[in-house]
PDB file of N, CA and C in Angstrom:
ATOM      1  N   UNK A   1     -25.988  -2.553 -23.622  1.00  0.00           N
ATOM      2  CA  UNK A   1     -24.708  -2.560 -22.978  1.00  0.00           C
ATOM      3  C   UNK A   1     -24.888  -3.006 -21.531  1.00  0.00           C
ATOM      4  N   UNK A   2     -23.971  -3.840 -21.066  1.00  0.00           N
ATOM      5  CA  UNK A   2     -23.975  -4.307 -19.682  1.00  0.00           C
ATOM      6  C   UNK A   2     -22.619  -3.958 -19.075  1.00  0.00           C
ATOM      7  N   UNK A   3     -22.628  -3.348 -17.900  1.00  0.00           N
ATOM      8  CA  UNK A   3     -21.405  -3.034 -17.169  1.00  0.00           C
ATOM      9  C   UNK A   3     -21.207  -4.042 -16.054  1.00  0.00           C
ATOM     10  N   UNK A   4     -19.965  -4.359 -15.764  1.00  0.00           N
ATOM     11  CA  UNK A   4     -19.637  -5.213 -14.633  1.00  0.00           C
ATOM     12  C   UNK A   4     -18.457  -4.621 -13.897  1.00  0.00           C
ATOM     13  N   UNK A   5     -18.311  -4.974 -12.641  1.00  0.00           N
ATOM     14  CA  UNK A   5     -17.196  -4.483 -11.845  1.00  0.00           C
ATOM     15  C   UNK A   5     -16.517  -5.668 -11.186  1.00  0.00           C
ATOM     16  N   UNK A   6     -15.195  -5.742 -11.347  1.00  0.00           N
ATOM     17  CA  UNK A   6     -14.443  -6.873 -10.822  1.00  0.00           C
ATOM     18  C   UNK A   6     -13.525  -6.472  -9.695  1.00  0.00           C
ATOM     19  N   UNK A   7     -12.415  -7.167  -9.610  1.00  0.00           N
ATOM     20  CA  UNK A   7     -11.422  -6.941  -8.571  1.00  0.00           C
ATOM     21  C   UNK A   7     -10.992  -5.470  -8.555  1.00  0.00           C
ATOM     22  N   UNK A   8     -10.854  -4.906  -7.399  1.00  0.00           N
ATOM     23  CA  UNK A   8     -10.485  -3.493  -7.223  1.00  0.00           C
ATOM     24  C   UNK A   8     -11.439  -2.547  -7.939  1.00  0.00           C
ATOM     25  N   UNK A   9     -12.684  -2.989  -8.088  1.00  0.00           N
ATOM     26  CA  UNK A   9     -13.737  -2.182  -8.716  1.00  0.00           C
ATOM     27  C   UNK A   9     -13.402  -1.813 -10.170  1.00  0.00           C
ATOM     28  N   UNK A  10     -12.614  -2.661 -10.857  1.00  0.00           N
ATOM     29  CA  UNK A  10     -12.282  -2.405 -12.265  1.00  0.00           C
ATOM     30  C   UNK A  10     -13.505  -2.676 -13.125  1.00  0.00           C
ATOM     31  N   UNK A  11     -13.791  -1.762 -14.005  1.00  0.00           N
ATOM     32  CA  UNK A  11     -14.985  -1.815 -14.844  1.00  0.00           C
ATOM     33  C   UNK A  11     -14.738  -2.655 -16.092  1.00  0.00           C
ATOM     34  N   UNK A  12     -15.739  -3.420 -16.485  1.00  0.00           N
ATOM     35  CA  UNK A  12     -15.743  -4.113 -17.773  1.00  0.00           C
ATOM     36  C   UNK A  12     -17.112  -3.900 -18.404  1.00  0.00           C
ATOM     37  N   UNK A  13     -17.202  -4.071 -19.720  1.00  0.00           N
ATOM     38  CA  UNK A  13     -18.453  -3.796 -20.422  1.00  0.00           C
ATOM     39  C   UNK A  13     -18.649  -4.779 -21.561  1.00  0.00           C
ATOM     40  N   UNK A  14     -19.922  -4.967 -21.913  1.00  0.00           N
ATOM     41  CA  UNK A  14     -20.300  -5.919 -22.948  1.00  0.00           C
ATOM     42  C   UNK A  14     -21.424  -5.317 -23.776  1.00  0.00           C
ATOM     43  N   UNK A  15     -21.262  -5.291 -25.096  1.00  0.00           N
ATOM     44  CA  UNK A  15     -22.299  -4.810 -26.014  1.00  0.00           C
ATOM     45  C   UNK A  15     -22.896  -6.018 -26.736  1.00  0.00           C
ATOM     46  N   UNK A  16     -24.213  -6.069 -26.806  1.00  0.00           N
ATOM     47  CA  UNK A  16     -24.892  -7.158 -27.495  1.00  0.00           C
ATOM     48  C   UNK A  16     -25.729  -6.612 -28.652  1.00  0.00           C
ATOM     49  N   UNK A  17     -25.768  -7.367 -29.744  1.00  0.00           N
ATOM     50  CA  UNK A  17     -26.605  -7.035 -30.886  1.00  0.00           C
ATOM     51  C   UNK A  17     -28.068  -7.237 -30.474  1.00  0.00           C
ATOM     52  N   UNK A  18     -28.945  -6.277 -30.775  1.00  0.00           N
ATOM     53  CA  UNK A  18     -30.337  -6.357 -30.322  1.00  0.00           C
ATOM     54  C   UNK A  18     -31.168  -7.367 -31.113  1.00  0.00           C
ATOM     55  N   UNK A  19     -30.738  -7.745 -32.330  1.00  0.00           N
ATOM     56  CA  UNK A  19     -31.520  -8.690 -33.132  1.00  0.00           C
ATOM     57  C   UNK A  19     -31.155 -10.143 -32.835  1.00  0.00           C
ATOM     58  N   UNK A  20     -29.858 -10.428 -32.724  1.00  0.00           N
ATOM     59  CA  UNK A  20     -29.414 -11.818 -32.545  1.00  0.00           C
ATOM     60  C   UNK A  20     -28.777 -12.070 -31.178  1.00  0.00           C
ATOM     61  N   UNK A  21     -28.655 -11.033 -30.375  1.00  0.00           N
ATOM     62  CA  UNK A  21     -28.046 -11.124 -29.047  1.00  0.00           C
ATOM     63  C   UNK A  21     -26.597 -11.599 -29.097  1.00  0.00           C
ATOM     64  N   UNK A  22     -25.887 -11.286 -30.201  1.00  0.00           N
ATOM     65  CA  UNK A  22     -24.478 -11.631 -30.324  1.00  0.00           C
ATOM     66  C   UNK A  22     -23.644 -10.642 -29.517  1.00  0.00           C
ATOM     67  N   UNK A  23     -22.620 -11.132 -28.865  1.00  0.00           N
ATOM     68  CA  UNK A  23     -21.669 -10.259 -28.187  1.00  0.00           C
ATOM     69  C   UNK A  23     -20.796  -9.632 -29.265  1.00  0.00           C
ATOM     70  N   UNK A  24     -20.952  -8.332 -29.497  1.00  0.00           N
ATOM     71  CA  UNK A  24     -20.247  -7.676 -30.598  1.00  0.00           C
ATOM     72  C   UNK A  24     -19.051  -6.855 -30.143  1.00  0.00           C
ATOM     73  N   UNK A  25     -19.048  -6.446 -28.876  1.00  0.00           N
ATOM     74  CA  UNK A  25     -17.936  -5.644 -28.373  1.00  0.00           C
ATOM     75  C   UNK A  25     -17.848  -5.828 -26.866  1.00  0.00           C
ATOM     76  N   UNK A  26     -16.635  -5.922 -26.354  1.00  0.00           N
ATOM     77  CA  UNK A  26     -16.446  -6.087 -24.919  1.00  0.00           C
ATOM     78  C   UNK A  26     -15.111  -5.451 -24.557  1.00  0.00           C
ATOM     79  N   UNK A  27     -14.961  -5.106 -23.308  1.00  0.00           N
ATOM     80  CA  UNK A  27     -13.709  -4.467 -22.922  1.00  0.00           C
ATOM     81  C   UNK A  27     -13.503  -4.406 -21.434  1.00  0.00           C
ATOM     82  N   UNK A  28     -12.344  -3.930 -21.089  1.00  0.00           N
ATOM     83  CA  UNK A  28     -11.920  -3.790 -19.708  1.00  0.00           C
ATOM     84  C   UNK A  28     -10.451  -3.422 -19.699  1.00  0.00           C
ATOM     85  N   UNK A  29      -9.818  -3.573 -18.550  1.00  0.00           N
ATOM     86  CA  UNK A  29      -8.397  -3.252 -18.450  1.00  0.00           C
ATOM     87  C   UNK A  29      -7.565  -4.352 -19.075  1.00  0.00           C
ATOM     88  N   UNK A  30      -6.555  -3.945 -19.803  1.00  0.00           N
ATOM     89  CA  UNK A  30      -5.620  -4.882 -20.409  1.00  0.00           C
ATOM     90  C   UNK A  30      -4.266  -4.218 -20.529  1.00  0.00           C
ATOM     91  N   UNK A  31      -3.272  -4.966 -20.955  1.00  0.00           N
ATOM     92  CA  UNK A  31      -1.916  -4.442 -21.083  1.00  0.00           C
ATOM     93  C   UNK A  31      -1.572  -4.273 -22.551  1.00  0.00           C
ATOM     94  N   UNK A  32      -1.161  -3.060 -22.909  1.00  0.00           N
ATOM     95  CA  UNK A  32      -0.728  -2.752 -24.271  1.00  0.00           C
ATOM     96  C   UNK A  32       0.644  -2.110 -24.174  1.00  0.00           C
ATOM     97  N   UNK A  33       1.633  -2.744 -24.764  1.00  0.00           N
ATOM     98  CA  UNK A  33       2.985  -2.198 -24.729  1.00  0.00           C
ATOM     99  C   UNK A  33       3.504  -1.999 -23.311  1.00  0.00           C
ATOM    100  N   UNK A  34       3.120  -2.885 -22.406  1.00  0.00           N
ATOM    101  CA  UNK A  34       3.574  -2.802 -21.029  1.00  0.00           C
ATOM    102  C   UNK A  34       2.815  -1.804 -20.171  1.00  0.00           C
ATOM    103  N   UNK A  35       1.806  -1.157 -20.737  1.00  0.00           N
ATOM    104  CA  UNK A  35       1.015  -0.166 -20.001  1.00  0.00           C
ATOM    105  C   UNK A  35      -0.390  -0.710 -19.803  1.00  0.00           C
ATOM    106  N   UNK A  36      -0.889  -0.647 -18.572  1.00  0.00           N
ATOM    107  CA  UNK A  36      -2.250  -1.095 -18.295  1.00  0.00           C
ATOM    108  C   UNK A  36      -3.227   0.000 -18.712  1.00  0.00           C
ATOM    109  N   UNK A  37      -4.191  -0.368 -19.527  1.00  0.00           N
ATOM    110  CA  UNK A  37      -5.097   0.606 -20.147  1.00  0.00           C
ATOM    111  C   UNK A  37      -6.464  -0.032 -20.352  1.00  0.00           C
ATOM    112  N   UNK A  38      -7.523   0.763 -20.319  1.00  0.00           N
ATOM    113  CA  UNK A  38      -8.836   0.256 -20.712  1.00  0.00           C
ATOM    114  C   UNK A  38      -8.851   0.106 -22.222  1.00  0.00           C
ATOM    115  N   UNK A  39      -9.359  -1.017 -22.713  1.00  0.00           N
ATOM    116  CA  UNK A  39      -9.411  -1.258 -24.156  1.00  0.00           C
ATOM    117  C   UNK A  39     -10.640  -2.079 -24.508  1.00  0.00           C
ATOM    118  N   UNK A  40     -10.954  -2.075 -25.781  1.00  0.00           N
ATOM    119  CA  UNK A  40     -12.124  -2.771 -26.313  1.00  0.00           C
ATOM    120  C   UNK A  40     -11.697  -3.839 -27.303  1.00  0.00           C
ATOM    121  N   UNK A  41     -12.507  -4.879 -27.366  1.00  0.00           N
ATOM    122  CA  UNK A  41     -12.417  -5.883 -28.427  1.00  0.00           C
ATOM    123  C   UNK A  41     -13.732  -5.817 -29.191  1.00  0.00           C
ATOM    124  N   UNK A  42     -13.660  -5.708 -30.513  1.00  0.00           N
ATOM    125  CA  UNK A  42     -14.878  -5.606 -31.328  1.00  0.00           C
ATOM    126  C   UNK A  42     -14.883  -6.718 -32.364  1.00  0.00           C
ATOM    127  N   UNK A  43     -15.901  -7.572 -32.302  1.00  0.00           N
ATOM    128  CA  UNK A  43     -16.064  -8.631 -33.295  1.00  0.00           C
ATOM    129  C   UNK A  43     -16.637  -7.992 -34.556  1.00  0.00           C
ATOM    130  N   UNK A  44     -15.888  -8.047 -35.654  1.00  0.00           N
ATOM    131  CA  UNK A  44     -16.330  -7.342 -36.857  1.00  0.00           C
ATOM    132  C   UNK A  44     -16.867  -8.256 -37.948  1.00  0.00           C
ATOM    133  N   UNK A  45     -16.560  -9.537 -37.909  1.00  0.00           N
ATOM    134  CA  UNK A  45     -17.104 -10.489 -38.879  1.00  0.00           C
ATOM    135  C   UNK A  45     -17.475 -11.773 -38.146  1.00  0.00           C
ATOM    136  N   UNK A  46     -18.626 -12.341 -38.482  1.00  0.00           N
ATOM    137  CA  UNK A  46     -19.074 -13.596 -37.876  1.00  0.00           C
ATOM    138  C   UNK A  46     -19.259 -14.646 -38.964  1.00  0.00           C
ATOM    139  N   UNK A  47     -19.003 -15.923 -38.603  1.00  0.00           N
ATOM    140  CA  UNK A  47     -19.274 -17.030 -39.516  1.00  0.00           C
ATOM    141  C   UNK A  47     -20.005 -18.123 -38.738  1.00  0.00           C
ATOM    142  N   UNK A  48     -20.873 -18.883 -39.423  1.00  0.00           N
ATOM    143  CA  UNK A  48     -21.546 -19.993 -38.726  1.00  0.00           C
ATOM    144  C   UNK A  48     -20.618 -21.199 -38.592  1.00  0.00           C
ATOM    145  N   UNK A  49     -20.538 -21.757 -37.383  1.00  0.00           N
ATOM    146  CA  UNK A  49     -19.747 -22.956 -37.115  1.00  0.00           C
ATOM    147  C   UNK A  49     -20.657 -23.917 -36.360  1.00  0.00           C
ATOM    148  N   UNK A  50     -21.001 -25.009 -36.990  1.00  0.00           N
ATOM    149  CA  UNK A  50     -21.924 -25.995 -36.395  1.00  0.00           C
ATOM    150  C   UNK A  50     -23.212 -25.328 -35.908  1.00  0.00           C
ATOM    151  N   UNK A  51     -23.733 -24.396 -36.680  1.00  0.00           N
ATOM    152  CA  UNK A  51     -25.003 -23.749 -36.343  1.00  0.00           C
ATOM    153  C   UNK A  51     -24.896 -22.603 -35.356  1.00  0.00           C
ATOM    154  N   UNK A  52     -23.680 -22.237 -34.940  1.00  0.00           N
ATOM    155  CA  UNK A  52     -23.481 -21.136 -33.995  1.00  0.00           C
ATOM    156  C   UNK A  52     -22.634 -20.062 -34.672  1.00  0.00           C
ATOM    157  N   UNK A  53     -23.055 -18.807 -34.557  1.00  0.00           N
ATOM    158  CA  UNK A  53     -22.256 -17.720 -35.127  1.00  0.00           C
ATOM    159  C   UNK A  53     -21.103 -17.392 -34.185  1.00  0.00           C
ATOM    160  N   UNK A  54     -19.879 -17.440 -34.726  1.00  0.00           N
ATOM    161  CA  UNK A  54     -18.673 -17.133 -33.956  1.00  0.00           C
ATOM    162  C   UNK A  54     -17.898 -16.030 -34.656  1.00  0.00           C
ATOM    163  N   UNK A  55     -17.172 -15.203 -33.895  1.00  0.00           N
ATOM    164  CA  UNK A  55     -16.415 -14.120 -34.536  1.00  0.00           C
ATOM    165  C   UNK A  55     -15.233 -14.655 -35.332  1.00  0.00           C
ATOM    166  N   UNK A  56     -15.113 -14.210 -36.572  1.00  0.00           N
ATOM    167  CA  UNK A  56     -13.986 -14.578 -37.431  1.00  0.00           C
ATOM    168  C   UNK A  56     -12.888 -13.528 -37.352  1.00  0.00           C
ATOM    169  N   UNK A  57     -13.280 -12.292 -37.066  1.00  0.00           N
ATOM    170  CA  UNK A  57     -12.302 -11.212 -36.954  1.00  0.00           C
ATOM    171  C   UNK A  57     -12.620 -10.374 -35.726  1.00  0.00           C
ATOM    172  N   UNK A  58     -11.583 -10.045 -34.955  1.00  0.00           N
ATOM    173  CA  UNK A  58     -11.732  -9.232 -33.749  1.00  0.00           C
ATOM    174  C   UNK A  58     -10.752  -8.080 -33.837  1.00  0.00           C
ATOM    175  N   UNK A  59     -11.255  -6.857 -33.662  1.00  0.00           N
ATOM    176  CA  UNK A  59     -10.424  -5.662 -33.681  1.00  0.00           C
ATOM    177  C   UNK A  59     -10.118  -5.240 -32.251  1.00  0.00           C
ATOM    178  N   UNK A  60      -8.871  -4.859 -31.998  1.00  0.00           N
ATOM    179  CA  UNK A  60      -8.454  -4.350 -30.699  1.00  0.00           C
ATOM    180  C   UNK A  60      -8.441  -2.829 -30.779  1.00  0.00           C
ATOM    181  N   UNK A  61      -9.187  -2.181 -29.870  1.00  0.00           N
ATOM    182  CA  UNK A  61      -9.318  -0.729 -29.891  1.00  0.00           C
ATOM    183  C   UNK A  61      -8.792  -0.168 -28.575  1.00  0.00           C
ATOM    184  N   UNK A  62      -7.859   0.761 -28.663  1.00  0.00           N
ATOM    185  CA  UNK A  62      -7.311   1.431 -27.481  1.00  0.00           C
ATOM    186  C   UNK A  62      -7.343   2.934 -27.723  1.00  0.00           C
ATOM    187  N   UNK A  63      -7.846   3.676 -26.745  1.00  0.00           N
ATOM    188  CA  UNK A  63      -7.986   5.130 -26.852  1.00  0.00           C
ATOM    189  C   UNK A  63      -8.741   5.525 -28.125  1.00  0.00           C
ATOM    190  N   UNK A  64      -9.817   4.798 -28.409  1.00  0.00           N
ATOM    191  CA  UNK A  64     -10.689   5.038 -29.558  1.00  0.00           C
ATOM    192  C   UNK A  64      -9.990   4.923 -30.909  1.00  0.00           C
ATOM    193  N   UNK A  65      -8.871   4.206 -30.965  1.00  0.00           N
ATOM    194  CA  UNK A  65      -8.166   3.978 -32.223  1.00  0.00           C
ATOM    195  C   UNK A  65      -7.907   2.488 -32.397  1.00  0.00           C
ATOM    196  N   UNK A  66      -7.950   2.032 -33.649  1.00  0.00           N
ATOM    197  CA  UNK A  66      -7.677   0.636 -33.952  1.00  0.00           C
ATOM    198  C   UNK A  66      -6.206   0.350 -33.683  1.00  0.00           C
ATOM    199  N   UNK A  67      -5.948  -0.621 -32.811  1.00  0.00           N
ATOM    200  CA  UNK A  67      -4.583  -0.956 -32.406  1.00  0.00           C
ATOM    201  C   UNK A  67      -4.088  -2.214 -33.111  1.00  0.00           C
ATOM    202  N   UNK A  68      -5.006  -3.134 -33.425  1.00  0.00           N
ATOM    203  CA  UNK A  68      -4.628  -4.374 -34.086  1.00  0.00           C
ATOM    204  C   UNK A  68      -5.853  -5.192 -34.434  1.00  0.00           C
ATOM    205  N   UNK A  69      -5.643  -6.250 -35.201  1.00  0.00           N
ATOM    206  CA  UNK A  69      -6.733  -7.123 -35.634  1.00  0.00           C
ATOM    207  C   UNK A  69      -6.313  -8.574 -35.487  1.00  0.00           C
ATOM    208  N   UNK A  70      -7.238  -9.393 -34.991  1.00  0.00           N
ATOM    209  CA  UNK A  70      -7.039 -10.837 -34.909  1.00  0.00           C
ATOM    210  C   UNK A  70      -8.005 -11.466 -35.909  1.00  0.00           C
ATOM    211  N   UNK A  71      -7.496 -12.283 -36.819  1.00  0.00           N
ATOM    212  CA  UNK A  71      -8.338 -12.962 -37.799  1.00  0.00           C
ATOM    213  C   UNK A  71      -8.117 -14.466 -37.673  1.00  0.00           C
ATOM    214  N   UNK A  72      -9.205 -15.214 -37.552  1.00  0.00           N
ATOM    215  CA  UNK A  72      -9.141 -16.662 -37.462  1.00  0.00           C
ATOM    216  C   UNK A  72      -9.325 -17.234 -38.853  1.00  0.00           C
ATOM    217  N   UNK A  73      -8.349 -18.010 -39.324  1.00  0.00           N
ATOM    218  CA  UNK A  73      -8.449 -18.640 -40.644  1.00  0.00           C
ATOM    219  C   UNK A  73      -9.415 -19.814 -40.616  1.00  0.00           C
ATOM    220  N   UNK A  74      -9.355 -20.615 -39.549  1.00  0.00           N
ATOM    221  CA  UNK A  74     -10.189 -21.798 -39.428  1.00  0.00           C
ATOM    222  C   UNK A  74     -10.754 -21.866 -38.013  1.00  0.00           C
ATOM    223  N   UNK A  75     -12.035 -22.154 -37.911  1.00  0.00           N
ATOM    224  CA  UNK A  75     -12.671 -22.339 -36.611  1.00  0.00           C
ATOM    225  C   UNK A  75     -13.386 -23.680 -36.637  1.00  0.00           C
ATOM    226  N   UNK A  76     -13.069 -24.537 -35.670  1.00  0.00           N
ATOM    227  CA  UNK A  76     -13.766 -25.811 -35.550  1.00  0.00           C
ATOM    228  C   UNK A  76     -14.370 -25.896 -34.152  1.00  0.00           C
ATOM    229  N   UNK A  77     -15.473 -26.587 -34.049  1.00  0.00           N
ATOM    230  CA  UNK A  77     -16.155 -26.719 -32.763  1.00  0.00           C
ATOM    231  C   UNK A  77     -16.332 -28.188 -32.428  1.00  0.00           C
ATOM    232  N   UNK A  78     -16.424 -28.475 -31.147  1.00  0.00           N
ATOM    233  CA  UNK A  78     -16.675 -29.825 -30.651  1.00  0.00           C
ATOM    234  C   UNK A  78     -15.642 -30.833 -31.136  1.00  0.00           C
ATOM    235  N   UNK A  79     -14.379 -30.425 -31.101  1.00  0.00           N
ATOM    236  CA  UNK A  79     -13.294 -31.336 -31.451  1.00  0.00           C
ATOM    237  C   UNK A  79     -13.165 -32.400 -30.367  1.00  0.00           C
ATOM    238  N   UNK A  80     -12.767 -33.603 -30.766  1.00  0.00           N
ATOM    239  CA  UNK A  80     -12.515 -34.661 -29.804  1.00  0.00           C
ATOM    240  C   UNK A  80     -11.207 -34.357 -29.097  1.00  0.00           C
ATOM    241  N   UNK A  81     -11.247 -34.319 -27.766  1.00  0.00           N
ATOM    242  CA  UNK A  81     -10.054 -34.021 -26.982  1.00  0.00           C
ATOM    243  C   UNK A  81      -9.621 -35.248 -26.209  1.00  0.00           C
ATOM    244  N   UNK A  82      -8.336 -35.517 -26.256  1.00  0.00           N
ATOM    245  CA  UNK A  82      -7.765 -36.618 -25.494  1.00  0.00           C
ATOM    246  C   UNK A  82      -7.654 -36.173 -24.033  1.00  0.00           C
ATOM    247  N   UNK A  83      -8.064 -37.015 -23.112  1.00  0.00           N
ATOM    248  CA  UNK A  83      -8.027 -36.682 -21.684  1.00  0.00           C
ATOM    249  C   UNK A  83      -6.618 -36.349 -21.215  1.00  0.00           C
ATOM    250  N   UNK A  84      -5.598 -36.871 -21.890  1.00  0.00           N
ATOM    251  CA  UNK A  84      -4.210 -36.595 -21.509  1.00  0.00           C
ATOM    252  C   UNK A  84      -3.862 -35.111 -21.621  1.00  0.00           C
ATOM    253  N   UNK A  85      -4.602 -34.373 -22.435  1.00  0.00           N
ATOM    254  CA  UNK A  85      -4.335 -32.943 -22.587  1.00  0.00           C
ATOM    255  C   UNK A  85      -4.566 -32.184 -21.282  1.00  0.00           C
ATOM    256  N   UNK A  86      -5.347 -32.757 -20.369  1.00  0.00           N
ATOM    257  CA  UNK A  86      -5.693 -32.080 -19.133  1.00  0.00           C
ATOM    258  C   UNK A  86      -4.872 -32.558 -17.943  1.00  0.00           C
ATOM    259  N   UNK A  87      -3.957 -33.508 -18.163  1.00  0.00           N
ATOM    260  CA  UNK A  87      -3.102 -33.983 -17.079  1.00  0.00           C
ATOM    261  C   UNK A  87      -2.042 -32.934 -16.768  1.00  0.00           C
ATOM    262  N   UNK A  88      -1.692 -32.823 -15.496  1.00  0.00           N
ATOM    263  CA  UNK A  88      -0.630 -31.908 -15.109  1.00  0.00           C
ATOM    264  C   UNK A  88       0.694 -32.444 -15.641  1.00  0.00           C
ATOM    265  N   UNK A  89       1.507 -31.577 -16.243  1.00  0.00           N
ATOM    266  CA  UNK A  89       2.785 -32.069 -16.764  1.00  0.00           C
ATOM    267  C   UNK A  89       3.677 -32.555 -15.621  1.00  0.00           C
ATOM    268  N   UNK A  90       4.546 -33.510 -15.901  1.00  0.00           N
ATOM    269  CA  UNK A  90       5.429 -34.004 -14.841  1.00  0.00           C
ATOM    270  C   UNK A  90       6.391 -32.911 -14.391  1.00  0.00           C
ATOM    271  N   UNK A  91       6.691 -32.908 -13.105  1.00  0.00           N
ATOM    272  CA  UNK A  91       7.608 -31.917 -12.553  1.00  0.00           C
ATOM    273  C   UNK A  91       9.031 -32.252 -12.970  1.00  0.00           C
ATOM    274  N   UNK A  92       9.774 -31.251 -13.413  1.00  0.00           N
ATOM    275  CA  UNK A  92      11.170 -31.465 -13.775  1.00  0.00           C
ATOM    276  C   UNK A  92      12.100 -30.914 -12.691  1.00  0.00           C
ATOM    277  N   UNK A  93      11.521 -30.461 -11.573  1.00  0.00           N
ATOM    278  CA  UNK A  93      12.309 -29.947 -10.459  1.00  0.00           C
ATOM    279  C   UNK A  93      12.763 -31.137  -9.614  1.00  0.00           C
ATOM    280  N   UNK A  94      14.063 -31.249  -9.370  1.00  0.00           N
ATOM    281  CA  UNK A  94      14.517 -32.385  -8.566  1.00  0.00           C
ATOM    282  C   UNK A  94      14.000 -32.294  -7.129  1.00  0.00           C
ATOM    283  N   UNK A  95      13.686 -33.436  -6.563  1.00  0.00           N
ATOM    284  CA  UNK A  95      13.200 -33.496  -5.182  1.00  0.00           C
ATOM    285  C   UNK A  95      14.295 -34.105  -4.313  1.00  0.00           C
ATOM    286  N   UNK A  96      14.701 -33.391  -3.293  1.00  0.00           N
ATOM    287  CA  UNK A  96      15.723 -33.874  -2.371  1.00  0.00           C
ATOM    288  C   UNK A  96      15.040 -34.528  -1.190  1.00  0.00           C
ATOM    289  N   UNK A  97      15.531 -35.713  -0.851  1.00  0.00           N
ATOM    290  CA  UNK A  97      14.961 -36.429   0.291  1.00  0.00           C
ATOM    291  C   UNK A  97      16.101 -36.837   1.201  1.00  0.00           C
ATOM    292  N   UNK A  98      15.801 -36.904   2.471  1.00  0.00           N
ATOM    293  CA  UNK A  98      16.804 -37.275   3.448  1.00  0.00           C
ATOM    294  C   UNK A  98      16.312 -38.470   4.235  1.00  0.00           C
ATOM    295  N   UNK A  99      17.197 -39.409   4.533  1.00  0.00           N
ATOM    296  CA  UNK A  99      16.850 -40.583   5.324  1.00  0.00           C
ATOM    297  C   UNK A  99      17.274 -40.380   6.744  1.00  0.00           C
TER     298      UNK A  99
END
């Protein structure tokens, strides 16, 4: 387990598997139902994607109880990305100018 401290000394933590060094659980402050609370994310299933093990299912744990689950149906890696995806969108706010 590794602890870290961020802004306003907020604590975060990371658990790693001792055999494969996979990040299996991590947590810190988050918002649940509009309330800021310390919570954990736990990777419960891994699948190989292009030779790398990635989490297929992540459980959300709050107050030591399962709050929800995220399951990825498809995971792809190293997709070709069009450079246009990183351009700033055009502003739709009108600009007033005076002569």
